[in-house]
Amino acid sequence: MVRLKQRKPRKSPGAAINKRSNARTPHAIDYQALSQFRYRLRIFLAFSNANAHNIGLTSQQYQALLAIRGFSSQRPIFVGELAESLLIKHHSTVELVDRMSKLGLLQKTIDANDNRRVLVTVTNKGRLLLRKVATVNFKHLGSSSLTLSKISRLLASGQFSDG
C-alpha cells in the first residue's frame, strides 16, 4: 500500500468568521439573505434526509457515503479524515464505519504502513444507494437553483452597511 503524506490540520471555520464579524455590521437586507439561505439549506437537508430514509439509509449513513465518495476520488479516506468531514468525534466515526461495514456499505482496510490507521472505501452496494439519493437530490437542487442564485448574489454583494 502506498504511504500517504499527513494532511495539514485545517483552521477552524469560526476563526475566519470572528475576524470578519468585527469589521462590518449587517444591514436588514443582509439578515433577510442569511435567513433565506439558512431556510433553503434546512429545506434541502430535510428533503435529503427523507430521501435517504426512503431508500433505507439514515441521514448519517448518507452523509458518510457522500463524504467518502466526494473525498476519495483519488484515494481511500482515513477514519480520522471522515470524522473531520462529518464534524463528529473519532470514536463515533469508528462506530458508524463498523455499522456501515456490517451492512455492506463500506469496506475497511488497515493501512499497511501504520496498523493504527483504517482506510475506508464505499462498496458497490454503498455506491448504488448513494447514487439513488444523490440523483434525486441534484434534481431538487436544480429546481431550487434560481432562488439559491438570488440569495448567493445578495450575499456576494454583501457589503454590509451600518444600521
N, C-alpha and C. Protein backbone atom coordinates (compact mmCIF):
# COMPACT_ATOMS: atom_id res chain seq x y z
N MET A 1 0.84 -1.17 0.00
CA MET A 1 0.00 0.00 0.00
C MET A 1 0.89 1.24 0.00
N VAL A 2 0.50 2.26 -0.69
CA VAL A 2 1.27 3.48 -0.80
C VAL A 2 1.16 4.28 0.49
N ARG A 3 2.26 4.80 0.96
CA ARG A 3 2.25 5.63 2.16
C ARG A 3 1.79 7.03 1.76
N LEU A 4 0.86 7.57 2.48
CA LEU A 4 0.29 8.88 2.19
C LEU A 4 0.84 9.92 3.15
N LYS A 5 1.04 11.12 2.64
CA LYS A 5 1.53 12.21 3.48
C LYS A 5 0.45 12.65 4.43
N GLN A 6 0.88 13.09 5.61
CA GLN A 6 -0.06 13.63 6.60
C GLN A 6 -0.65 14.93 6.05
N ARG A 7 -1.92 15.12 6.26
CA ARG A 7 -2.57 16.37 5.86
C ARG A 7 -2.35 17.41 6.93
N LYS A 8 -2.18 18.65 6.52
CA LYS A 8 -2.04 19.74 7.48
C LYS A 8 -3.39 19.97 8.14
N PRO A 9 -3.40 20.22 9.44
CA PRO A 9 -4.69 20.49 10.10
C PRO A 9 -5.31 21.76 9.54
N ARG A 10 -6.62 21.73 9.39
CA ARG A 10 -7.32 22.90 8.87
C ARG A 10 -7.58 23.90 9.98
N LYS A 11 -7.65 25.16 9.59
CA LYS A 11 -8.02 26.18 10.56
C LYS A 11 -9.51 26.09 10.81
N SER A 12 -9.90 26.39 12.00
CA SER A 12 -11.31 26.37 12.36
C SER A 12 -12.06 27.39 11.54
N PRO A 13 -13.24 27.02 10.96
CA PRO A 13 -14.00 27.99 10.20
C PRO A 13 -14.45 29.16 11.06
N GLY A 14 -14.60 28.93 12.35
CA GLY A 14 -15.01 30.00 13.25
C GLY A 14 -13.98 31.11 13.35
N ALA A 15 -12.71 30.80 13.17
CA ALA A 15 -11.65 31.80 13.28
C ALA A 15 -11.81 32.87 12.20
N ALA A 16 -12.09 32.45 10.97
CA ALA A 16 -12.26 33.41 9.88
C ALA A 16 -13.51 34.26 10.09
N ILE A 17 -14.58 33.63 10.57
CA ILE A 17 -15.81 34.36 10.80
C ILE A 17 -15.61 35.41 11.88
N ASN A 18 -14.92 35.07 12.96
CA ASN A 18 -14.70 36.02 14.04
C ASN A 18 -13.91 37.23 13.58
N LYS A 19 -12.92 37.04 12.74
CA LYS A 19 -12.12 38.16 12.24
C LYS A 19 -12.97 39.11 11.41
N ARG A 20 -13.86 38.52 10.56
CA ARG A 20 -14.68 39.36 9.70
C ARG A 20 -15.84 40.01 10.43
N SER A 21 -16.36 39.36 11.45
CA SER A 21 -17.57 39.87 12.09
C SER A 21 -17.35 41.21 12.78
N ASN A 22 -16.12 41.50 13.18
CA ASN A 22 -15.85 42.77 13.83
C ASN A 22 -15.73 43.91 12.82
N ALA A 23 -15.56 43.60 11.56
CA ALA A 23 -15.29 44.63 10.56
C ALA A 23 -16.54 45.36 10.10
N ARG A 24 -17.70 44.67 10.03
CA ARG A 24 -18.89 45.28 9.46
C ARG A 24 -20.12 44.93 10.28
N THR A 25 -21.15 45.71 10.10
CA THR A 25 -22.42 45.44 10.76
C THR A 25 -23.44 45.09 9.68
N PRO A 26 -24.15 43.98 9.82
CA PRO A 26 -25.13 43.60 8.79
C PRO A 26 -26.29 44.60 8.71
N HIS A 27 -26.80 44.78 7.53
CA HIS A 27 -27.96 45.61 7.24
C HIS A 27 -29.18 44.69 7.19
N ALA A 28 -30.38 45.25 7.23
CA ALA A 28 -31.61 44.45 7.24
C ALA A 28 -31.67 43.49 6.06
N ILE A 29 -31.25 43.93 4.88
CA ILE A 29 -31.29 43.07 3.70
C ILE A 29 -30.32 41.89 3.87
N ASP A 30 -29.22 42.12 4.58
CA ASP A 30 -28.26 41.04 4.83
C ASP A 30 -28.89 39.98 5.72
N TYR A 31 -29.63 40.41 6.74
CA TYR A 31 -30.32 39.47 7.61
C TYR A 31 -31.35 38.66 6.82
N GLN A 32 -32.04 39.33 5.90
CA GLN A 32 -33.02 38.63 5.08
C GLN A 32 -32.33 37.57 4.21
N ALA A 33 -31.21 37.92 3.62
CA ALA A 33 -30.48 36.98 2.77
C ALA A 33 -29.98 35.79 3.59
N LEU A 34 -29.40 36.07 4.75
CA LEU A 34 -28.91 34.98 5.59
C LEU A 34 -30.06 34.09 6.06
N SER A 35 -31.17 34.71 6.42
CA SER A 35 -32.33 33.96 6.87
C SER A 35 -32.86 33.05 5.75
N GLN A 36 -32.98 33.60 4.54
CA GLN A 36 -33.46 32.82 3.41
C GLN A 36 -32.49 31.69 3.06
N PHE A 37 -31.20 32.00 3.12
CA PHE A 37 -30.19 31.00 2.82
C PHE A 37 -30.29 29.83 3.82
N ARG A 38 -30.38 30.17 5.10
CA ARG A 38 -30.49 29.14 6.14
C ARG A 38 -31.77 28.33 5.95
N TYR A 39 -32.86 29.00 5.64
CA TYR A 39 -34.14 28.33 5.42
C TYR A 39 -34.03 27.34 4.26
N ARG A 40 -33.45 27.79 3.14
CA ARG A 40 -33.30 26.93 1.97
C ARG A 40 -32.38 25.75 2.26
N LEU A 41 -31.33 25.98 3.04
CA LEU A 41 -30.45 24.88 3.42
C LEU A 41 -31.22 23.84 4.24
N ARG A 42 -32.02 24.32 5.18
CA ARG A 42 -32.77 23.41 6.04
C ARG A 42 -33.82 22.64 5.23
N ILE A 43 -34.44 23.29 4.25
CA ILE A 43 -35.39 22.59 3.38
C ILE A 43 -34.66 21.48 2.62
N PHE A 44 -33.50 21.82 2.06
CA PHE A 44 -32.74 20.82 1.32
C PHE A 44 -32.30 19.67 2.22
N LEU A 45 -31.81 19.99 3.42
CA LEU A 45 -31.36 18.94 4.32
C LEU A 45 -32.52 18.03 4.74
N ALA A 46 -33.67 18.61 5.00
CA ALA A 46 -34.85 17.81 5.36
C ALA A 46 -35.25 16.91 4.18
N PHE A 47 -35.23 17.46 2.97
CA PHE A 47 -35.55 16.70 1.77
C PHE A 47 -34.54 15.57 1.59
N SER A 48 -33.27 15.90 1.73
CA SER A 48 -32.20 14.92 1.56
C SER A 48 -32.29 13.80 2.59
N ASN A 49 -32.57 14.15 3.84
CA ASN A 49 -32.72 13.15 4.90
C ASN A 49 -33.89 12.22 4.62
N ALA A 50 -35.02 12.79 4.19
CA ALA A 50 -36.19 11.97 3.87
C ALA A 50 -35.91 11.07 2.68
N ASN A 51 -35.22 11.62 1.70
CA ASN A 51 -34.85 10.86 0.51
C ASN A 51 -33.96 9.67 0.88
N ALA A 52 -32.97 9.90 1.74
CA ALA A 52 -32.09 8.82 2.20
C ALA A 52 -32.89 7.77 2.97
N HIS A 53 -33.76 8.24 3.85
CA HIS A 53 -34.58 7.34 4.65
C HIS A 53 -35.46 6.45 3.76
N ASN A 54 -35.99 7.02 2.67
CA ASN A 54 -36.87 6.27 1.77
C ASN A 54 -36.17 5.09 1.11
N ILE A 55 -34.85 5.15 0.96
CA ILE A 55 -34.16 4.01 0.35
C ILE A 55 -33.44 3.15 1.41
N GLY A 56 -33.66 3.47 2.69
CA GLY A 56 -33.14 2.62 3.75
C GLY A 56 -31.84 3.08 4.40
N LEU A 57 -31.45 4.32 4.17
CA LEU A 57 -30.25 4.87 4.80
C LEU A 57 -30.63 5.88 5.86
N THR A 58 -29.84 5.95 6.91
CA THR A 58 -30.03 7.04 7.86
C THR A 58 -29.35 8.28 7.27
N SER A 59 -29.68 9.41 7.81
CA SER A 59 -29.05 10.66 7.37
C SER A 59 -27.54 10.58 7.53
N GLN A 60 -27.09 10.05 8.65
CA GLN A 60 -25.66 9.98 8.93
C GLN A 60 -24.97 9.00 7.97
N GLN A 61 -25.64 7.91 7.63
CA GLN A 61 -25.05 6.97 6.67
C GLN A 61 -24.90 7.63 5.31
N TYR A 62 -25.93 8.36 4.88
CA TYR A 62 -25.85 9.05 3.59
C TYR A 62 -24.73 10.09 3.61
N GLN A 63 -24.64 10.86 4.68
CA GLN A 63 -23.60 11.87 4.78
C GLN A 63 -22.21 11.23 4.73
N ALA A 64 -22.06 10.09 5.39
CA ALA A 64 -20.78 9.40 5.38
C ALA A 64 -20.45 8.90 3.97
N LEU A 65 -21.41 8.28 3.31
CA LEU A 65 -21.18 7.80 1.94
C LEU A 65 -20.79 8.95 1.03
N LEU A 66 -21.49 10.05 1.15
CA LEU A 66 -21.21 11.22 0.32
C LEU A 66 -19.83 11.79 0.62
N ALA A 67 -19.49 11.89 1.88
CA ALA A 67 -18.18 12.43 2.27
C ALA A 67 -17.05 11.53 1.75
N ILE A 68 -17.21 10.23 1.91
CA ILE A 68 -16.17 9.29 1.47
C ILE A 68 -16.02 9.34 -0.04
N ARG A 69 -17.14 9.28 -0.74
CA ARG A 69 -17.12 9.28 -2.21
C ARG A 69 -16.59 10.61 -2.74
N GLY A 70 -16.98 11.70 -2.12
CA GLY A 70 -16.52 13.01 -2.56
C GLY A 70 -15.05 13.23 -2.26
N PHE A 71 -14.61 12.75 -1.13
CA PHE A 71 -13.21 12.93 -0.71
C PHE A 71 -12.29 11.98 -1.43
N SER A 72 -12.76 10.77 -1.65
CA SER A 72 -11.85 9.71 -2.06
C SER A 72 -11.86 9.40 -3.55
N SER A 73 -12.04 10.41 -4.35
CA SER A 73 -11.96 10.15 -5.78
C SER A 73 -10.54 9.76 -6.17
N GLN A 74 -9.55 10.23 -5.42
CA GLN A 74 -8.16 9.92 -5.70
C GLN A 74 -7.64 8.74 -4.88
N ARG A 75 -8.14 8.59 -3.65
CA ARG A 75 -7.63 7.56 -2.75
C ARG A 75 -8.65 7.31 -1.65
N PRO A 76 -8.48 6.19 -0.92
CA PRO A 76 -9.38 5.94 0.22
C PRO A 76 -9.22 7.02 1.29
N ILE A 77 -10.21 7.11 2.14
CA ILE A 77 -10.19 8.11 3.21
C ILE A 77 -9.88 7.39 4.53
N PHE A 78 -9.15 8.06 5.40
CA PHE A 78 -8.88 7.53 6.73
C PHE A 78 -10.07 7.85 7.63
N VAL A 79 -10.29 7.02 8.63
CA VAL A 79 -11.40 7.23 9.56
C VAL A 79 -11.30 8.61 10.20
N GLY A 80 -10.11 9.03 10.56
CA GLY A 80 -9.92 10.36 11.15
C GLY A 80 -10.34 11.48 10.22
N GLU A 81 -10.05 11.33 8.94
CA GLU A 81 -10.46 12.34 7.95
C GLU A 81 -11.97 12.35 7.79
N LEU A 82 -12.58 11.18 7.86
CA LEU A 82 -14.04 11.10 7.78
C LEU A 82 -14.67 11.78 9.00
N ALA A 83 -14.10 11.55 10.17
CA ALA A 83 -14.60 12.20 11.38
C ALA A 83 -14.56 13.71 11.23
N GLU A 84 -13.45 14.21 10.70
CA GLU A 84 -13.31 15.66 10.49
C GLU A 84 -14.35 16.16 9.50
N SER A 85 -14.56 15.42 8.43
CA SER A 85 -15.52 15.82 7.41
C SER A 85 -16.95 15.83 7.93
N LEU A 86 -17.28 14.88 8.79
CA LEU A 86 -18.64 14.79 9.34
C LEU A 86 -18.84 15.65 10.59
N LEU A 87 -17.74 16.22 11.08
CA LEU A 87 -17.78 17.03 12.28
C LEU A 87 -18.27 16.24 13.49
N ILE A 88 -17.79 14.99 13.59
CA ILE A 88 -18.11 14.16 14.74
C ILE A 88 -16.82 13.59 15.32
N LYS A 89 -16.90 13.08 16.53
CA LYS A 89 -15.71 12.55 17.21
C LYS A 89 -15.23 11.26 16.55
N HIS A 90 -13.93 11.02 16.71
CA HIS A 90 -13.31 9.85 16.08
C HIS A 90 -13.98 8.55 16.50
N HIS A 91 -14.23 8.38 17.80
CA HIS A 91 -14.83 7.12 18.25
C HIS A 91 -16.25 6.93 17.71
N SER A 92 -16.98 8.03 17.52
CA SER A 92 -18.32 7.93 16.93
C SER A 92 -18.22 7.51 15.47
N THR A 93 -17.19 8.01 14.79
CA THR A 93 -16.97 7.65 13.39
C THR A 93 -16.60 6.17 13.27
N VAL A 94 -15.77 5.69 14.20
CA VAL A 94 -15.40 4.27 14.20
C VAL A 94 -16.65 3.41 14.32
N GLU A 95 -17.56 3.77 15.22
CA GLU A 95 -18.80 3.02 15.40
C GLU A 95 -19.66 3.07 14.14
N LEU A 96 -19.77 4.25 13.53
CA LEU A 96 -20.55 4.42 12.31
C LEU A 96 -19.97 3.55 11.19
N VAL A 97 -18.66 3.60 11.01
CA VAL A 97 -18.00 2.81 9.97
C VAL A 97 -18.20 1.32 10.23
N ASP A 98 -18.10 0.89 11.47
CA ASP A 98 -18.33 -0.52 11.81
C ASP A 98 -19.74 -0.96 11.43
N ARG A 99 -20.73 -0.14 11.80
CA ARG A 99 -22.13 -0.48 11.47
C ARG A 99 -22.34 -0.53 9.96
N MET A 100 -21.78 0.45 9.25
CA MET A 100 -21.95 0.51 7.80
C MET A 100 -21.22 -0.63 7.10
N SER A 101 -20.11 -1.05 7.65
CA SER A 101 -19.37 -2.19 7.09
C SER A 101 -20.19 -3.47 7.24
N LYS A 102 -20.84 -3.65 8.39
CA LYS A 102 -21.68 -4.83 8.62
C LYS A 102 -22.87 -4.86 7.65
N LEU A 103 -23.32 -3.67 7.24
CA LEU A 103 -24.44 -3.58 6.28
C LEU A 103 -23.97 -3.74 4.84
N GLY A 104 -22.66 -3.80 4.64
CA GLY A 104 -22.11 -3.96 3.30
C GLY A 104 -22.00 -2.67 2.51
N LEU A 105 -22.06 -1.53 3.21
CA LEU A 105 -21.99 -0.23 2.54
C LEU A 105 -20.55 0.26 2.40
N LEU A 106 -19.69 -0.16 3.32
CA LEU A 106 -18.30 0.29 3.35
C LEU A 106 -17.37 -0.91 3.48
N GLN A 107 -16.14 -0.68 3.04
CA GLN A 107 -15.09 -1.67 3.25
C GLN A 107 -13.95 -0.99 4.01
N LYS A 108 -13.48 -1.67 5.06
CA LYS A 108 -12.37 -1.15 5.86
C LYS A 108 -11.10 -1.91 5.50
N THR A 109 -9.99 -1.17 5.44
CA THR A 109 -8.68 -1.76 5.18
C THR A 109 -7.68 -1.14 6.14
N ILE A 110 -6.87 -1.96 6.77
CA ILE A 110 -5.84 -1.43 7.67
C ILE A 110 -4.69 -0.92 6.83
N ASP A 111 -4.21 0.27 7.16
CA ASP A 111 -3.09 0.89 6.44
C ASP A 111 -1.85 0.01 6.61
N ALA A 112 -1.25 -0.38 5.50
CA ALA A 112 -0.09 -1.26 5.53
C ALA A 112 1.11 -0.62 6.22
N ASN A 113 1.17 0.71 6.22
CA ASN A 113 2.30 1.42 6.83
C ASN A 113 2.07 1.80 8.28
N ASP A 114 0.82 1.75 8.72
CA ASP A 114 0.51 2.14 10.09
C ASP A 114 -0.74 1.37 10.52
N ASN A 115 -0.55 0.31 11.27
CA ASN A 115 -1.66 -0.56 11.65
C ASN A 115 -2.72 0.13 12.50
N ARG A 116 -2.44 1.32 13.00
CA ARG A 116 -3.42 2.05 13.81
C ARG A 116 -4.43 2.77 12.93
N ARG A 117 -4.11 2.96 11.66
CA ARG A 117 -4.98 3.74 10.77
C ARG A 117 -5.82 2.81 9.89
N VAL A 118 -7.09 3.17 9.75
CA VAL A 118 -8.01 2.38 8.94
C VAL A 118 -8.47 3.22 7.76
N LEU A 119 -8.37 2.63 6.57
CA LEU A 119 -8.84 3.27 5.34
C LEU A 119 -10.26 2.79 5.07
N VAL A 120 -11.09 3.67 4.53
CA VAL A 120 -12.48 3.33 4.27
C VAL A 120 -12.81 3.63 2.81
N THR A 121 -13.48 2.69 2.15
CA THR A 121 -13.96 2.89 0.79
C THR A 121 -15.43 2.48 0.72
N VAL A 122 -16.13 3.01 -0.26
CA VAL A 122 -17.54 2.69 -0.47
C VAL A 122 -17.62 1.43 -1.33
N THR A 123 -18.46 0.50 -0.93
CA THR A 123 -18.67 -0.74 -1.70
C THR A 123 -19.60 -0.46 -2.87
N ASN A 124 -19.78 -1.45 -3.73
CA ASN A 124 -20.72 -1.30 -4.84
C ASN A 124 -22.14 -1.06 -4.34
N LYS A 125 -22.53 -1.77 -3.29
CA LYS A 125 -23.86 -1.56 -2.70
C LYS A 125 -24.00 -0.13 -2.19
N GLY A 126 -22.97 0.37 -1.50
CA GLY A 126 -22.98 1.74 -1.00
C GLY A 126 -23.06 2.76 -2.13
N ARG A 127 -22.31 2.51 -3.20
CA ARG A 127 -22.32 3.41 -4.36
C ARG A 127 -23.70 3.47 -5.01
N LEU A 128 -24.34 2.31 -5.12
CA LEU A 128 -25.67 2.24 -5.72
C LEU A 128 -26.68 3.06 -4.91
N LEU A 129 -26.69 2.87 -3.59
CA LEU A 129 -27.62 3.62 -2.74
C LEU A 129 -27.29 5.12 -2.75
N LEU A 130 -26.01 5.44 -2.71
CA LEU A 130 -25.59 6.85 -2.77
C LEU A 130 -26.06 7.49 -4.07
N ARG A 131 -25.89 6.78 -5.17
CA ARG A 131 -26.29 7.32 -6.48
C ARG A 131 -27.79 7.58 -6.52
N LYS A 132 -28.58 6.67 -5.94
CA LYS A 132 -30.04 6.84 -5.92
C LYS A 132 -30.42 8.12 -5.17
N VAL A 133 -29.83 8.32 -4.01
CA VAL A 133 -30.16 9.51 -3.21
C VAL A 133 -29.63 10.77 -3.90
N ALA A 134 -28.39 10.72 -4.34
CA ALA A 134 -27.76 11.91 -4.93
C ALA A 134 -28.47 12.36 -6.19
N THR A 135 -28.94 11.42 -7.01
CA THR A 135 -29.64 11.78 -8.25
C THR A 135 -30.89 12.60 -7.95
N VAL A 136 -31.66 12.16 -6.99
CA VAL A 136 -32.87 12.89 -6.60
C VAL A 136 -32.50 14.23 -5.97
N ASN A 137 -31.45 14.24 -5.14
CA ASN A 137 -31.02 15.49 -4.50
C ASN A 137 -30.56 16.52 -5.52
N PHE A 138 -29.84 16.07 -6.56
CA PHE A 138 -29.40 17.00 -7.60
C PHE A 138 -30.59 17.62 -8.32
N LYS A 139 -31.61 16.81 -8.59
CA LYS A 139 -32.83 17.34 -9.24
C LYS A 139 -33.49 18.38 -8.35
N HIS A 140 -33.55 18.10 -7.06
CA HIS A 140 -34.15 19.04 -6.11
C HIS A 140 -33.36 20.34 -6.07
N LEU A 141 -32.05 20.23 -6.03
CA LEU A 141 -31.21 21.43 -6.04
C LEU A 141 -31.39 22.22 -7.33
N GLY A 142 -31.52 21.52 -8.44
CA GLY A 142 -31.74 22.19 -9.72
C GLY A 142 -33.01 23.01 -9.72
N SER A 143 -34.08 22.47 -9.12
CA SER A 143 -35.34 23.20 -9.07
C SER A 143 -35.26 24.39 -8.11
N SER A 144 -34.31 24.36 -7.18
CA SER A 144 -34.14 25.46 -6.23
C SER A 144 -33.05 26.43 -6.66
N SER A 145 -32.43 26.17 -7.80
CA SER A 145 -31.24 26.93 -8.18
C SER A 145 -31.50 28.42 -8.38
N LEU A 146 -32.65 28.78 -8.92
CA LEU A 146 -32.94 30.20 -9.13
C LEU A 146 -32.98 30.95 -7.81
N THR A 147 -33.67 30.40 -6.83
CA THR A 147 -33.76 31.02 -5.51
C THR A 147 -32.38 31.08 -4.86
N LEU A 148 -31.65 29.98 -4.92
CA LEU A 148 -30.31 29.95 -4.32
C LEU A 148 -29.37 30.93 -5.01
N SER A 149 -29.52 31.08 -6.31
CA SER A 149 -28.70 32.02 -7.07
C SER A 149 -28.96 33.45 -6.62
N LYS A 150 -30.23 33.78 -6.42
CA LYS A 150 -30.59 35.13 -5.95
C LYS A 150 -29.99 35.38 -4.57
N ILE A 151 -30.13 34.41 -3.69
CA ILE A 151 -29.59 34.54 -2.33
C ILE A 151 -28.07 34.68 -2.39
N SER A 152 -27.45 33.87 -3.22
CA SER A 152 -26.00 33.90 -3.36
C SER A 152 -25.51 35.27 -3.84
N ARG A 153 -26.21 35.85 -4.82
CA ARG A 153 -25.83 37.18 -5.33
C ARG A 153 -25.98 38.23 -4.23
N LEU A 154 -27.03 38.11 -3.45
CA LEU A 154 -27.26 39.06 -2.35
C LEU A 154 -26.15 38.95 -1.32
N LEU A 155 -25.76 37.71 -1.00
CA LEU A 155 -24.69 37.51 -0.03
C LEU A 155 -23.34 37.94 -0.61
N ALA A 156 -23.12 37.68 -1.90
CA ALA A 156 -21.85 38.04 -2.54
C ALA A 156 -21.68 39.54 -2.61
N SER A 157 -22.76 40.25 -2.81
CA SER A 157 -22.67 41.71 -2.85
C SER A 157 -22.45 42.26 -1.46
N GLY A 158 -22.63 41.39 -0.47
CA GLY A 158 -22.60 41.63 0.95
C GLY A 158 -21.69 42.71 1.50
N GLN A 159 -21.72 43.86 0.91
CA GLN A 159 -21.05 44.99 1.53
C GLN A 159 -21.96 45.40 2.68
N PHE A 160 -21.75 44.75 3.80
CA PHE A 160 -22.59 45.03 4.95
C PHE A 160 -22.52 46.52 5.25
N SER A 161 -23.67 47.07 5.43
CA SER A 161 -23.73 48.51 5.71
C SER A 161 -24.12 48.72 7.16
N ASP A 162 -23.82 49.86 7.68
CA ASP A 162 -24.17 50.17 9.07
C ASP A 162 -25.68 50.28 9.18
N GLY A 163 -26.20 49.83 10.30
CA GLY A 163 -27.61 50.02 10.56
C GLY A 163 -28.29 48.76 10.70
